[in-house]
Amino acid sequence: MKRSKMIRDTICKRLQNSKCKTVWLIAILALVSCQQDKVSQNEAAKEDGLSIRRLPNASRPRNVIFILSDDHRFDFMGFTGKVPWLETPNLDRMAREGAYFPNTFVTTSLCSPSRASILTGLYSHTHTVIDNQAPAPEELIFFPQYLQKADYQTSFFGKWHMGDASAHPRPGFDHWESFKGQGAYYNPTLNINGKEVKYEDSTYITDLLTEHSLKWLKKRDKDKPFFLYLSHKAVHSNFLPAKRHMGDYEDEEIIYPPSYNTSNQPVKGKRRFNAPDLKGEASNSKPYLQDEYYGDGRMPDWQKMQRESWHGVDYMYHGRTDFEEFFKRYCETLKAVDEGVGEILEYLDDEGLAESTLVIYMGDNGFSFGEHGLIDKRHFYEESVKVPFLVRCPGIMEGGQTIGKMIQNIDVAPTILEIAGIQKPEHMQGMSIMPILKGEEIAWRDRIFYEYYWEYSYPQTPTMHGVRTDRYKLIRYHGVWDTNEFYDLKQDPYEMNNLTASSEHQDQIKQLTSEIYDWLEETGGMQIPLKRTVRPHSGDHRNRGLY
């Protein structure tokens, strides 16, 4: 509550000197109310404390291995057929022996916010880690802390990248191995339980993390259940495959997405000029209106401009890489992750632990490869917001399932707590998928909500909020003069025909807009976060080096 008190005290001082006391009083009530909503969510976690409530009639707690990759989009796995020559035999095995959820979404498609949602079961505006620089509030509780209370032995290996760039041990883990920020693919430095260890001789990070994870599993206390969180650096750019995989896909043909050129059209801008010495099409012409302005498919201006930027196909990473090389190195970098999954599954089989161990494989966010002329993530298009999600636990579920229900990253924490026999804390906003895995009929969400907040370092992507049902998607932008977007995903799966101006869909758009605000109001998300950023631009080539 210290933060809300500080805001209240600051405004009260101004109130004493203000001639407009009524206005300031309204400001106090509004600001403090919004702040208290957000603080109360996080303080609810503190009130839950680390006391746990056991589920009645819970079976013996099972072991859990959670494997998280970075920037792995939902359909880049061999069994999906998206990339005909991509080989992921061990992820294919997980789908064959477990369950594949093709409709898995993150609430914010960015590393730190998504990782915070996985660990807390909360939306980004609730846990407040809304970008890769935002600090993690001290009052946040990570779900492995509850597992420790339930006598689990817990471990973390790999990329943390949440709250700050340091690699120091975080709460919830008995054993800790991590690296600073994004780390390095070759010759990394790990913080192992508080001590820095430097690796050389072309040590490859994906292999190292898998090796250390298996070493911990072999030395664990076999009388206790375990939780292992393996968080890979791969496949984050700049992509560097293991040496044994470099060039494996060099001769393969790249298939460009259907929406590759939606942004390949001009931003029309201003048409009228008042000064007689400035020549336009005609000084008294009417401004461009509606579709005449936005062009084919009514694509937003930000998308057209981002095409020529750090995150666009026409100026990728400011001209430092080629699209086809980028694509192939990504797929080659994924191969070591897949091999590591296979090593862990093989260990579980050899030790007789497969039946008693839940294994989850997931990506922290999706990734664009030319869709809408973009690369990277952040936006609410399908390839950005959807992630791979595979689950295997032969002891509780049948294999070979494809489950179409919409799940989110906020569901990970409640799911793992349930299989550990722990009741979900009341402050968590996600839901356990365990009943779905067991084939039980339960009430489930029929839409998901999305949020992303503009970043100083990468200003090409605006703040946005959205909602997606099983058929429709609405994207609303904030703080930028542009068109919103509305898609019929059944008729337009590649999101190429924006229907936001369609007369027959206006009632539906109005209803979904109301639902976005209902969601934000109910979860304390009606404030746009702002933080101090006093540094030169880096990802903005138009203003690079300027404050």
Protein backbone atom coordinates (compact mmCIF):
# COMPACT_ATOMS: atom_id res chain seq x y z
CA MET A 1 0.00 0.00 0.00
CA LYS A 2 3.04 2.30 0.21
CA ARG A 3 2.79 3.20 -3.45
CA SER A 4 -0.87 4.28 -3.31
CA LYS A 5 -0.16 6.28 -0.14
CA MET A 6 2.65 8.13 -1.91
CA ILE A 7 0.31 9.04 -4.78
CA ARG A 8 -2.40 10.17 -2.35
CA ASP A 9 0.01 12.32 -0.33
CA THR A 10 1.43 13.96 -3.45
CA ILE A 11 -1.98 14.93 -4.75
CA CYS A 12 -3.13 16.13 -1.32
CA LYS A 13 -0.23 18.61 -1.18
CA ARG A 14 -1.31 19.98 -4.53
CA LEU A 15 -4.88 20.14 -3.33
CA GLN A 16 -3.95 22.50 -0.50
CA ASN A 17 -2.51 24.98 -3.00
CA SER A 18 -5.11 24.51 -5.72
CA LYS A 19 -7.93 26.86 -6.55
CA CYS A 20 -9.73 23.96 -8.21
CA LYS A 21 -10.20 21.73 -5.20
CA THR A 22 -13.11 19.84 -6.69
CA VAL A 23 -11.08 18.81 -9.72
CA TRP A 24 -8.19 17.69 -7.55
CA LEU A 25 -10.50 15.75 -5.26
CA ILE A 26 -11.83 13.83 -8.25
CA ALA A 27 -8.25 13.16 -9.32
CA ILE A 28 -7.42 11.78 -5.88
CA LEU A 29 -10.36 9.44 -5.88
CA ALA A 30 -9.73 8.19 -9.41
CA LEU A 31 -5.99 7.72 -9.14
CA VAL A 32 -5.95 6.15 -5.71
CA SER A 33 -8.86 3.86 -6.57
CA CYS A 34 -7.12 2.56 -9.71
CA GLN A 35 -3.82 2.17 -7.88
CA GLN A 36 -5.44 0.34 -4.98
CA ASP A 37 -7.11 -2.06 -7.41
CA LYS A 38 -3.72 -3.01 -8.79
CA VAL A 39 -1.96 -3.12 -5.44
CA SER A 40 -4.77 -5.18 -3.94
CA GLN A 41 -4.28 -7.89 -6.57
CA ASN A 42 -0.60 -8.22 -5.69
CA GLU A 43 -1.22 -7.89 -1.97
CA ALA A 44 -3.76 -10.67 -2.28
CA ALA A 45 -0.82 -12.86 -3.13
CA LYS A 46 0.92 -11.71 0.02
CA GLU A 47 -2.18 -12.38 2.05
CA ASP A 48 -2.28 -15.86 0.60
CA GLY A 49 1.25 -15.80 1.92
CA LEU A 50 2.98 -19.07 1.37
CA SER A 51 0.39 -21.06 3.18
CA ILE A 52 -1.06 -23.77 0.97
CA ARG A 53 -4.41 -25.48 0.92
CA ARG A 54 -4.42 -29.11 -0.07
CA LEU A 55 -6.99 -30.31 -2.57
CA PRO A 56 -9.42 -32.78 -1.01
CA ASN A 57 -8.98 -36.36 -2.19
CA ALA A 58 -5.87 -35.41 -4.13
CA SER A 59 -3.80 -38.29 -5.43
CA ARG A 60 -0.10 -38.59 -4.72
CA PRO A 61 1.71 -35.48 -6.02
CA ARG A 62 3.37 -36.04 -9.36
CA ASN A 63 6.70 -34.80 -10.59
CA VAL A 64 6.67 -31.90 -13.05
CA ILE A 65 9.12 -30.85 -15.78
CA PHE A 66 8.32 -27.55 -17.46
CA ILE A 67 10.37 -26.79 -20.58
CA LEU A 68 10.12 -23.24 -21.95
CA SER A 69 11.63 -22.16 -25.25
CA ASP A 70 12.00 -18.58 -26.42
CA ASP A 71 10.19 -17.14 -29.47
CA HIS A 72 9.06 -20.57 -30.69
CA ARG A 73 5.92 -20.02 -32.73
CA PHE A 74 3.03 -22.46 -32.42
CA ASP A 75 3.22 -24.16 -35.81
CA PHE A 76 6.98 -24.61 -36.32
CA MET A 77 7.04 -28.28 -35.36
CA GLY A 78 7.44 -31.21 -37.71
CA PHE A 79 4.06 -32.81 -37.08
CA THR A 80 2.10 -29.65 -37.98
CA GLY A 81 3.44 -29.67 -41.54
CA LYS A 82 3.79 -25.89 -41.59
CA VAL A 83 7.43 -26.08 -42.71
CA PRO A 84 7.63 -29.29 -44.79
CA TRP A 85 11.32 -29.90 -44.17
CA LEU A 86 11.47 -28.97 -40.46
CA GLU A 87 12.33 -31.95 -38.24
CA THR A 88 11.37 -32.08 -34.55
CA PRO A 89 11.06 -35.82 -33.80
CA ASN A 90 10.92 -35.42 -30.03
CA LEU A 91 8.29 -32.70 -29.98
CA ASP A 92 6.39 -34.89 -32.45
CA ARG A 93 6.73 -37.71 -29.92
CA MET A 94 5.25 -35.54 -27.17
CA ALA A 95 2.24 -34.80 -29.38
CA ARG A 96 1.90 -38.49 -30.23
CA GLU A 97 2.15 -39.69 -26.63
CA GLY A 98 0.38 -36.74 -25.00
CA ALA A 99 -1.76 -33.76 -25.95
CA TYR A 100 -1.27 -30.87 -28.35
CA PHE A 101 -3.14 -27.60 -27.75
CA PRO A 102 -3.15 -25.69 -31.08
CA ASN A 103 -5.06 -22.78 -29.51
CA THR A 104 -2.63 -21.69 -26.81
CA PHE A 105 -2.19 -17.95 -26.38
CA VAL A 106 -0.07 -15.58 -24.34
CA THR A 107 -1.66 -12.53 -22.76
CA THR A 108 1.24 -10.32 -23.89
CA SER A 109 3.58 -11.46 -26.66
CA LEU A 110 6.89 -10.40 -25.15
CA CYS A 111 9.51 -12.26 -23.08
CA SER A 112 9.29 -10.70 -19.61
CA PRO A 113 5.51 -10.13 -19.41
CA SER A 114 4.79 -13.67 -20.60
CA ARG A 115 7.30 -15.24 -18.22
CA ALA A 116 5.82 -13.29 -15.34
CA SER A 117 2.34 -14.51 -16.30
CA ILE A 118 3.57 -18.11 -16.39
CA LEU A 119 5.12 -17.81 -12.93
CA THR A 120 2.27 -15.90 -11.26
CA GLY A 121 -0.92 -16.89 -13.09
CA LEU A 122 -1.67 -13.17 -13.58
CA TYR A 123 -2.28 -10.82 -16.51
CA SER A 124 0.49 -8.38 -17.39
CA HIS A 125 -1.36 -5.32 -16.10
CA THR A 126 -1.86 -7.15 -12.79
CA HIS A 127 1.68 -8.36 -12.14
CA THR A 128 2.90 -5.05 -13.77
CA VAL A 129 5.89 -6.58 -15.59
CA ILE A 130 4.54 -5.07 -18.79
CA ASP A 131 7.78 -5.02 -20.83
CA ASN A 132 11.36 -6.27 -20.77
CA GLN A 133 12.56 -3.44 -18.50
CA ALA A 134 9.73 -3.23 -15.94
CA PRO A 135 10.79 -4.40 -12.46
CA ALA A 136 9.04 -7.31 -10.79
CA PRO A 137 7.24 -6.08 -7.64
CA GLU A 138 8.63 -7.53 -4.43
CA GLU A 139 5.20 -8.77 -3.37
CA LEU A 140 4.82 -11.13 -6.36
CA ILE A 141 4.74 -14.80 -5.44
CA PHE A 142 5.96 -17.35 -8.00
CA PHE A 143 4.14 -20.68 -8.04
CA PRO A 144 7.30 -22.77 -7.29
CA GLN A 145 7.27 -21.13 -3.85
CA TYR A 146 4.02 -22.97 -3.14
CA LEU A 147 5.61 -26.20 -4.39
CA GLN A 148 8.45 -25.77 -1.90
CA LYS A 149 5.85 -25.49 0.87
CA ALA A 150 4.43 -28.79 -0.36
CA ASP A 151 7.86 -30.41 0.11
CA TYR A 152 8.82 -30.43 -3.56
CA GLN A 153 12.47 -30.10 -4.50
CA THR A 154 12.65 -27.38 -7.14
CA SER A 155 15.21 -26.25 -9.70
CA PHE A 156 15.61 -23.60 -12.39
CA PHE A 157 17.92 -23.77 -15.40
CA GLY A 158 18.33 -21.08 -18.04
CA LYS A 159 16.85 -17.78 -19.06
CA TRP A 160 15.00 -15.76 -16.41
CA HIS A 161 14.84 -12.35 -18.12
CA MET A 162 12.12 -10.92 -15.96
CA GLY A 163 12.27 -7.75 -13.91
CA ASP A 164 15.95 -7.03 -14.56
CA ALA A 165 18.91 -8.44 -16.43
CA SER A 166 20.71 -9.98 -13.44
CA ALA A 167 21.23 -13.70 -12.96
CA HIS A 168 20.99 -13.93 -9.17
CA PRO A 169 18.83 -16.68 -7.62
CA ARG A 170 15.09 -15.97 -7.36
CA PRO A 171 12.52 -17.18 -4.82
CA GLY A 172 10.99 -20.61 -5.28
CA PHE A 173 14.02 -22.64 -6.35
CA ASP A 174 16.26 -24.88 -4.26
CA HIS A 175 18.75 -25.12 -7.11
CA TRP A 176 19.46 -22.22 -9.48
CA GLU A 177 21.39 -21.84 -12.73
CA SER A 178 20.86 -18.78 -14.93
CA PHE A 179 22.57 -16.11 -17.02
CA LYS A 180 22.26 -12.35 -17.38
CA GLY A 181 19.65 -10.97 -19.77
CA GLN A 182 19.53 -12.79 -23.10
CA GLY A 183 22.76 -14.65 -22.41
CA ALA A 184 24.96 -16.08 -25.18
CA TYR A 185 24.65 -19.14 -27.39
CA TYR A 186 28.34 -20.01 -27.09
CA ASN A 187 30.68 -19.96 -24.07
CA PRO A 188 28.09 -18.70 -21.57
CA THR A 189 28.56 -17.58 -17.98
CA LEU A 190 26.11 -19.15 -15.52
CA ASN A 191 25.17 -18.04 -12.04
CA ILE A 192 25.01 -21.36 -10.19
CA ASN A 193 23.45 -20.87 -6.78
CA GLY A 194 25.01 -17.43 -6.49
CA LYS A 195 28.44 -18.23 -7.92
CA GLU A 196 29.47 -17.26 -11.48
CA VAL A 197 30.94 -20.04 -13.62
CA LYS A 198 32.40 -19.32 -17.07
CA TYR A 199 32.27 -21.98 -19.80
CA GLU A 200 34.58 -22.09 -22.81
CA ASP A 201 35.67 -24.43 -25.60
CA SER A 202 32.59 -23.64 -27.73
CA THR A 203 30.17 -24.78 -25.03
CA TYR A 204 26.65 -24.49 -26.49
CA ILE A 205 24.03 -23.11 -24.12
CA THR A 206 21.14 -25.40 -25.13
CA ASP A 207 23.25 -28.52 -24.62
CA LEU A 208 24.69 -27.19 -21.37
CA LEU A 209 21.29 -26.49 -19.83
CA THR A 210 19.98 -29.92 -20.82
CA GLU A 211 23.11 -31.60 -19.44
CA HIS A 212 22.85 -29.76 -16.11
CA SER A 213 19.13 -30.47 -15.84
CA LEU A 214 19.74 -34.19 -16.24
CA LYS A 215 22.60 -34.06 -13.74
CA TRP A 216 20.28 -32.49 -11.16
CA LEU A 217 17.59 -35.08 -11.83
CA LYS A 218 20.07 -37.89 -11.25
CA LYS A 219 21.27 -36.42 -7.94
CA ARG A 220 17.89 -35.37 -6.54
CA ASP A 221 16.35 -36.76 -3.36
CA LYS A 222 14.37 -39.69 -4.73
CA ASP A 223 12.03 -39.72 -1.74
CA LYS A 224 10.51 -36.34 -2.68
CA PRO A 225 8.54 -35.12 -5.70
CA PHE A 226 10.43 -32.76 -7.96
CA PHE A 227 9.79 -29.72 -10.14
CA LEU A 228 12.28 -28.80 -12.86
CA TYR A 229 11.95 -25.55 -14.85
CA LEU A 230 14.16 -25.66 -17.96
CA SER A 231 14.12 -22.28 -19.68
CA HIS A 232 16.05 -22.20 -22.95
CA LYS A 233 17.66 -19.19 -24.58
CA ALA A 234 16.80 -20.73 -27.94
CA VAL A 235 15.28 -19.82 -30.27
CA HIS A 236 15.79 -16.12 -29.58
CA SER A 237 17.61 -14.02 -32.18
CA ASN A 238 20.32 -13.66 -33.20
CA PHE A 239 19.98 -17.31 -34.09
CA LEU A 240 23.09 -19.47 -33.70
CA PRO A 241 22.60 -23.21 -34.20
CA ALA A 242 24.78 -25.83 -32.59
CA LYS A 243 27.78 -26.43 -34.83
CA ARG A 244 26.51 -29.92 -35.67
CA HIS A 245 23.32 -28.37 -37.09
CA MET A 246 24.72 -25.36 -38.92
CA GLY A 247 23.73 -25.51 -42.58
CA ASP A 248 21.37 -28.49 -42.22
CA TYR A 249 18.59 -26.56 -43.98
CA GLU A 250 20.76 -24.43 -46.25
CA ASP A 251 19.35 -25.85 -49.48
CA GLU A 252 15.70 -25.91 -48.44
CA GLU A 253 13.12 -23.68 -50.11
CA ILE A 254 11.43 -20.98 -48.06
CA ILE A 255 7.66 -20.68 -48.44
CA TYR A 256 6.54 -17.08 -48.01
CA PRO A 257 3.27 -16.47 -46.13
CA PRO A 258 0.15 -15.29 -48.01
CA SER A 259 0.08 -12.02 -46.01
CA TYR A 260 3.71 -11.14 -46.81
CA ASN A 261 2.71 -8.08 -48.87
CA THR A 262 -0.25 -6.67 -46.94
CA SER A 263 2.03 -3.91 -45.62
CA ASN A 264 3.75 -3.37 -48.96
CA GLN A 265 1.71 -0.27 -49.81
CA PRO A 266 2.24 3.43 -49.13
CA VAL A 267 1.18 5.43 -46.11
CA LYS A 268 -0.79 8.13 -47.90
CA GLY A 269 -0.73 10.81 -45.24
CA LYS A 270 -1.72 14.42 -45.83
CA ARG A 271 -3.47 15.53 -49.03
CA ARG A 272 -4.47 19.18 -48.46
CA PHE A 273 -2.08 22.12 -48.27
CA ASN A 274 -3.14 25.66 -47.32
CA ALA A 275 -0.02 27.52 -48.35
CA PRO A 276 -0.18 28.38 -52.10
CA ASP A 277 3.53 27.71 -52.66
CA LEU A 278 3.23 24.07 -51.56
CA LYS A 279 2.14 21.69 -54.27
CA GLY A 280 -0.05 18.74 -53.47
CA GLU A 281 -2.45 16.76 -55.61
CA ALA A 282 -4.77 19.73 -55.26
CA SER A 283 -4.81 22.28 -52.49
CA ASN A 284 -8.57 22.03 -52.16
CA SER A 285 -8.88 18.25 -52.52
CA LYS A 286 -10.85 16.36 -49.90
CA PRO A 287 -8.77 14.34 -47.46
CA TYR A 288 -8.53 10.62 -48.07
CA LEU A 289 -11.35 8.85 -46.24
CA GLN A 290 -11.81 5.33 -44.88
CA ASP A 291 -10.64 2.55 -47.25
CA GLU A 292 -9.46 5.12 -49.80
CA TYR A 293 -6.87 6.14 -47.24
CA TYR A 294 -5.88 2.75 -45.81
CA GLY A 295 -5.76 0.86 -49.11
CA ASP A 296 -6.10 -2.86 -49.82
CA GLY A 297 -7.41 -4.83 -46.86
CA ARG A 298 -7.57 -1.66 -44.73
CA MET A 299 -4.19 -2.40 -43.17
CA PRO A 300 -3.13 0.01 -40.39
CA ASP A 301 -0.40 2.56 -41.00
CA TRP A 302 1.81 1.24 -38.18
CA GLN A 303 2.02 -2.11 -39.98
CA LYS A 304 3.09 -0.47 -43.27
CA MET A 305 5.72 1.64 -41.52
CA GLN A 306 7.03 -1.20 -39.38
CA ARG A 307 7.79 -3.15 -42.55
CA GLU A 308 10.73 -0.77 -43.00
CA SER A 309 12.16 -1.03 -39.49
CA TRP A 310 14.06 -3.25 -37.06
CA HIS A 311 11.05 -5.58 -36.97
CA GLY A 312 10.13 -5.51 -40.66
CA VAL A 313 11.20 -7.57 -43.67
CA ASP A 314 12.49 -4.55 -45.63
CA TYR A 315 15.01 -3.42 -42.97
CA MET A 316 15.43 -6.40 -40.64
CA TYR A 317 17.61 -5.56 -37.65
CA HIS A 318 18.60 -2.44 -39.58
CA GLY A 319 19.85 -4.38 -42.56
CA ARG A 320 22.06 -6.81 -40.63
CA THR A 321 20.47 -10.03 -41.88
CA ASP A 322 18.71 -11.61 -44.83
CA PHE A 323 15.17 -13.03 -44.53
CA GLU A 324 15.91 -16.50 -45.89
CA GLU A 325 19.09 -16.91 -43.84
CA PHE A 326 17.15 -15.68 -40.79
CA PHE A 327 14.45 -18.30 -41.38
CA LYS A 328 16.85 -21.21 -41.86
CA ARG A 329 19.10 -20.39 -38.89
CA TYR A 330 15.99 -20.23 -36.67
CA CYS A 331 14.94 -23.73 -37.71
CA GLU A 332 18.47 -25.06 -37.23
CA THR A 333 18.71 -23.49 -33.77
CA LEU A 334 15.50 -25.28 -32.78
CA LYS A 335 17.05 -28.70 -33.44
CA ALA A 336 19.14 -28.71 -30.23
CA VAL A 337 16.06 -27.81 -28.18
CA ASP A 338 14.24 -30.77 -29.70
CA GLU A 339 17.15 -33.08 -28.99
CA GLY A 340 17.19 -31.92 -25.36
CA VAL A 341 13.50 -32.76 -25.01
CA GLY A 342 14.29 -36.23 -26.30
CA GLU A 343 17.07 -36.71 -23.75
CA ILE A 344 14.74 -35.80 -20.90
CA LEU A 345 11.95 -38.10 -22.12
CA GLU A 346 14.48 -40.92 -22.49
CA TYR A 347 15.72 -40.37 -18.92
CA LEU A 348 12.17 -40.53 -17.55
CA ASP A 349 11.52 -43.76 -19.47
CA ASP A 350 14.77 -45.37 -18.34
CA GLU A 351 14.14 -44.47 -14.69
CA GLY A 352 10.51 -45.62 -14.72
CA LEU A 353 9.32 -42.06 -14.08
CA ALA A 354 7.23 -41.44 -17.21
CA GLU A 355 3.92 -42.46 -15.61
CA SER A 356 4.45 -40.25 -12.58
CA THR A 357 5.84 -37.14 -14.32
CA LEU A 358 3.95 -34.38 -16.07
CA VAL A 359 6.05 -32.86 -18.87
CA ILE A 360 5.00 -29.55 -20.44
CA TYR A 361 6.69 -27.98 -23.45
CA MET A 362 5.79 -24.38 -24.24
CA GLY A 363 7.04 -21.22 -25.97
CA ASP A 364 7.09 -17.87 -24.16
CA ASN A 365 5.58 -16.08 -27.18
CA GLY A 366 5.14 -16.56 -30.91
CA PHE A 367 7.13 -15.10 -33.79
CA SER A 368 6.38 -13.65 -37.21
CA PHE A 369 8.23 -14.81 -40.28
CA GLY A 370 7.06 -12.35 -42.90
CA GLU A 371 3.35 -12.36 -42.06
CA HIS A 372 2.12 -8.82 -42.78
CA GLY A 373 5.70 -8.00 -43.78
CA LEU A 374 6.83 -8.27 -40.13
CA ILE A 375 9.24 -10.27 -38.02
CA ASP A 376 9.36 -10.64 -34.22
CA LYS A 377 6.29 -10.57 -31.93
CA ARG A 378 4.47 -7.95 -29.77
CA HIS A 379 1.39 -7.59 -32.00
CA PHE A 380 -1.88 -9.53 -31.75
CA TYR A 381 -1.72 -11.39 -35.05
CA GLU A 382 -2.00 -15.18 -34.79
CA GLU A 383 1.65 -16.03 -35.40
CA SER A 384 2.70 -13.66 -32.60
CA VAL A 385 0.18 -14.52 -29.89
CA LYS A 386 -0.03 -18.32 -30.31
CA VAL A 387 2.59 -20.65 -28.85
CA PRO A 388 3.34 -24.38 -28.89
CA PHE A 389 1.89 -26.26 -25.93
CA LEU A 390 2.50 -29.99 -25.52
CA VAL A 391 1.72 -32.09 -22.46
CA ARG A 392 2.71 -35.67 -21.67
CA CYS A 393 1.79 -37.71 -18.60
CA PRO A 394 0.81 -41.30 -19.46
CA GLY A 395 -0.36 -41.91 -15.92
CA ILE A 396 -3.33 -39.53 -16.18
CA MET A 397 -4.13 -39.03 -19.87
CA GLU A 398 -4.39 -40.75 -23.20
CA GLY A 399 -1.90 -39.91 -25.91
CA GLY A 400 -2.46 -38.54 -29.39
CA GLN A 401 -4.96 -35.89 -28.37
CA THR A 402 -5.43 -32.59 -30.18
CA ILE A 403 -7.42 -30.36 -27.85
CA GLY A 404 -8.93 -27.24 -29.39
CA LYS A 405 -9.91 -25.37 -26.24
CA MET A 406 -8.34 -21.92 -25.80
CA ILE A 407 -5.73 -21.91 -23.05
CA GLN A 408 -3.29 -19.20 -21.97
CA ASN A 409 0.05 -18.80 -20.22
CA ILE A 410 -1.78 -17.76 -17.04
CA ASP A 411 -3.09 -21.35 -16.86
CA VAL A 412 0.34 -22.92 -16.29
CA ALA A 413 0.65 -22.07 -12.59
CA PRO A 414 -2.84 -23.33 -11.58
CA THR A 415 -2.29 -26.51 -13.62
CA ILE A 416 1.01 -27.41 -11.98
CA LEU A 417 -0.32 -26.59 -8.52
CA GLU A 418 -3.29 -28.89 -9.07
CA ILE A 419 -1.17 -31.86 -10.12
CA ALA A 420 0.85 -31.21 -6.95
CA GLY A 421 -2.35 -31.47 -4.93
CA ILE A 422 -2.44 -27.76 -4.09
CA GLN A 423 -5.55 -25.61 -4.38
CA LYS A 424 -5.18 -22.60 -6.66
CA PRO A 425 -4.66 -19.36 -4.66
CA GLU A 426 -7.67 -17.06 -5.03
CA HIS A 427 -5.67 -14.19 -6.54
CA MET A 428 -4.56 -16.22 -9.58
CA GLN A 429 -6.44 -15.32 -12.77
CA GLY A 430 -5.69 -18.47 -14.79
CA MET A 431 -7.40 -21.87 -14.66
CA SER A 432 -6.07 -25.40 -14.35
CA ILE A 433 -6.27 -27.52 -17.50
CA MET A 434 -6.04 -30.78 -15.53
CA PRO A 435 -9.78 -31.54 -15.91
CA ILE A 436 -9.43 -31.08 -19.69
CA LEU A 437 -6.45 -33.45 -19.80
CA LYS A 438 -8.47 -36.05 -17.91
CA GLY A 439 -11.35 -35.74 -20.37
CA GLU A 440 -13.77 -34.16 -17.90
CA GLU A 441 -16.53 -31.85 -19.13
CA ILE A 442 -16.15 -28.47 -17.44
CA ALA A 443 -17.14 -24.86 -18.15
CA TRP A 444 -14.28 -23.18 -20.02
CA ARG A 445 -13.46 -19.81 -21.56
CA ASP A 446 -14.77 -19.08 -25.05
CA ARG A 447 -12.52 -16.04 -25.66
CA ILE A 448 -9.12 -14.72 -24.68
CA PHE A 449 -7.95 -11.15 -24.06
CA TYR A 450 -4.70 -9.51 -25.07
CA GLU A 451 -2.63 -6.46 -24.13
CA TYR A 452 0.63 -4.91 -25.25
CA TYR A 453 2.13 -1.58 -24.16
CA TRP A 454 4.25 0.67 -26.37
CA GLU A 455 7.99 0.42 -25.72
CA TYR A 456 10.46 3.28 -25.93
CA SER A 457 13.12 1.02 -27.45
CA TYR A 458 10.84 -0.28 -30.22
CA PRO A 459 8.27 2.45 -30.89
CA GLN A 460 7.05 0.91 -34.14
CA THR A 461 4.36 -1.17 -32.38
CA PRO A 462 1.58 0.78 -30.62
CA THR A 463 -0.22 0.03 -27.38
CA MET A 464 -3.09 -2.36 -28.09
CA HIS A 465 -5.82 -4.35 -26.42
CA GLY A 466 -7.78 -7.13 -28.03
CA VAL A 467 -10.17 -10.00 -27.73
CA ARG A 468 -10.35 -13.24 -29.74
CA THR A 469 -13.21 -15.73 -29.85
CA ASP A 470 -13.13 -19.02 -31.72
CA ARG A 471 -14.01 -17.08 -34.89
CA TYR A 472 -13.52 -13.34 -34.51
CA LYS A 473 -10.71 -11.06 -33.41
CA LEU A 474 -10.87 -7.38 -32.47
CA ILE A 475 -7.70 -5.28 -32.03
CA ARG A 476 -7.97 -1.76 -30.61
CA TYR A 477 -5.05 0.67 -30.64
CA HIS A 478 -4.35 3.35 -28.07
CA GLY A 479 -2.43 6.62 -28.42
CA VAL A 480 -2.00 6.45 -32.20
CA TRP A 481 -4.13 7.80 -35.07
CA ASP A 482 -4.81 4.63 -37.01
CA THR A 483 -7.49 2.10 -37.86
CA ASN A 484 -8.52 -0.65 -35.46
CA GLU A 485 -8.74 -4.18 -36.83
CA PHE A 486 -11.49 -6.81 -36.91
CA TYR A 487 -11.13 -10.21 -38.55
CA ASP A 488 -13.33 -13.20 -39.33
CA LEU A 489 -10.74 -15.91 -38.72
CA LYS A 490 -12.91 -18.61 -40.27
CA GLN A 491 -13.13 -16.79 -43.61
CA ASP A 492 -9.78 -14.99 -43.30
CA PRO A 493 -7.28 -17.10 -41.31
CA TYR A 494 -4.30 -15.02 -42.49
CA GLU A 495 -5.87 -11.73 -41.30
CA MET A 496 -5.71 -9.94 -44.64
CA ASN A 497 -9.18 -8.35 -44.82
CA ASN A 498 -9.84 -5.90 -42.00
CA LEU A 499 -13.62 -5.69 -41.42
CA THR A 500 -13.60 -2.88 -38.89
CA ALA A 501 -15.64 -0.69 -41.29
CA SER A 502 -18.05 -3.47 -42.28
CA SER A 503 -21.62 -2.32 -41.64
CA GLU A 504 -22.86 -5.84 -40.93
CA HIS A 505 -20.31 -6.32 -38.13
CA GLN A 506 -20.75 -3.05 -36.20
CA ASP A 507 -22.95 -4.50 -33.46
CA GLN A 508 -20.48 -7.31 -32.92
CA ILE A 509 -17.53 -4.90 -32.83
CA LYS A 510 -19.37 -2.73 -30.30
CA GLN A 511 -20.08 -5.74 -28.09
CA LEU A 512 -16.49 -6.98 -28.18
CA THR A 513 -15.21 -3.47 -27.45
CA SER A 514 -17.37 -3.44 -24.32
CA GLU A 515 -15.99 -6.83 -23.33
CA ILE A 516 -12.41 -5.54 -23.54
CA TYR A 517 -13.25 -2.72 -21.15
CA ASP A 518 -15.19 -5.07 -18.86
CA TRP A 519 -12.11 -7.30 -18.66
CA LEU A 520 -9.79 -4.37 -17.91
CA GLU A 521 -12.11 -2.88 -15.29
CA GLU A 522 -12.67 -6.21 -13.54
CA THR A 523 -8.94 -6.96 -13.34
CA GLY A 524 -7.61 -3.49 -12.48
CA GLY A 525 -6.21 -2.73 -15.92
CA MET A 526 -7.59 0.72 -16.69
CA GLN A 527 -4.25 2.50 -16.34
CA ILE A 528 -1.71 2.83 -19.13
CA PRO A 529 1.67 2.16 -17.47
CA LEU A 530 4.38 4.79 -17.75
CA LYS A 531 7.96 4.60 -16.54
CA ARG A 532 11.07 6.74 -16.65
CA THR A 533 13.07 6.24 -19.88
CA VAL A 534 16.03 8.60 -20.19
CA ARG A 535 18.26 7.02 -22.81
CA PRO A 536 18.96 7.42 -26.54
CA HIS A 537 16.82 5.56 -29.08
CA SER A 538 18.35 2.33 -30.39
CA GLY A 539 15.65 0.32 -32.19
CA ASP A 540 14.28 3.44 -33.95
CA HIS A 541 16.45 4.14 -37.01
CA ARG A 542 14.72 7.47 -37.68
CA ASN A 543 15.73 8.86 -34.29
CA ARG A 544 18.67 6.69 -33.37
CA GLY A 545 21.00 8.23 -30.80
CA LEU A 546 18.48 10.91 -29.81
CA TYR A 547 16.68 11.20 -26.50
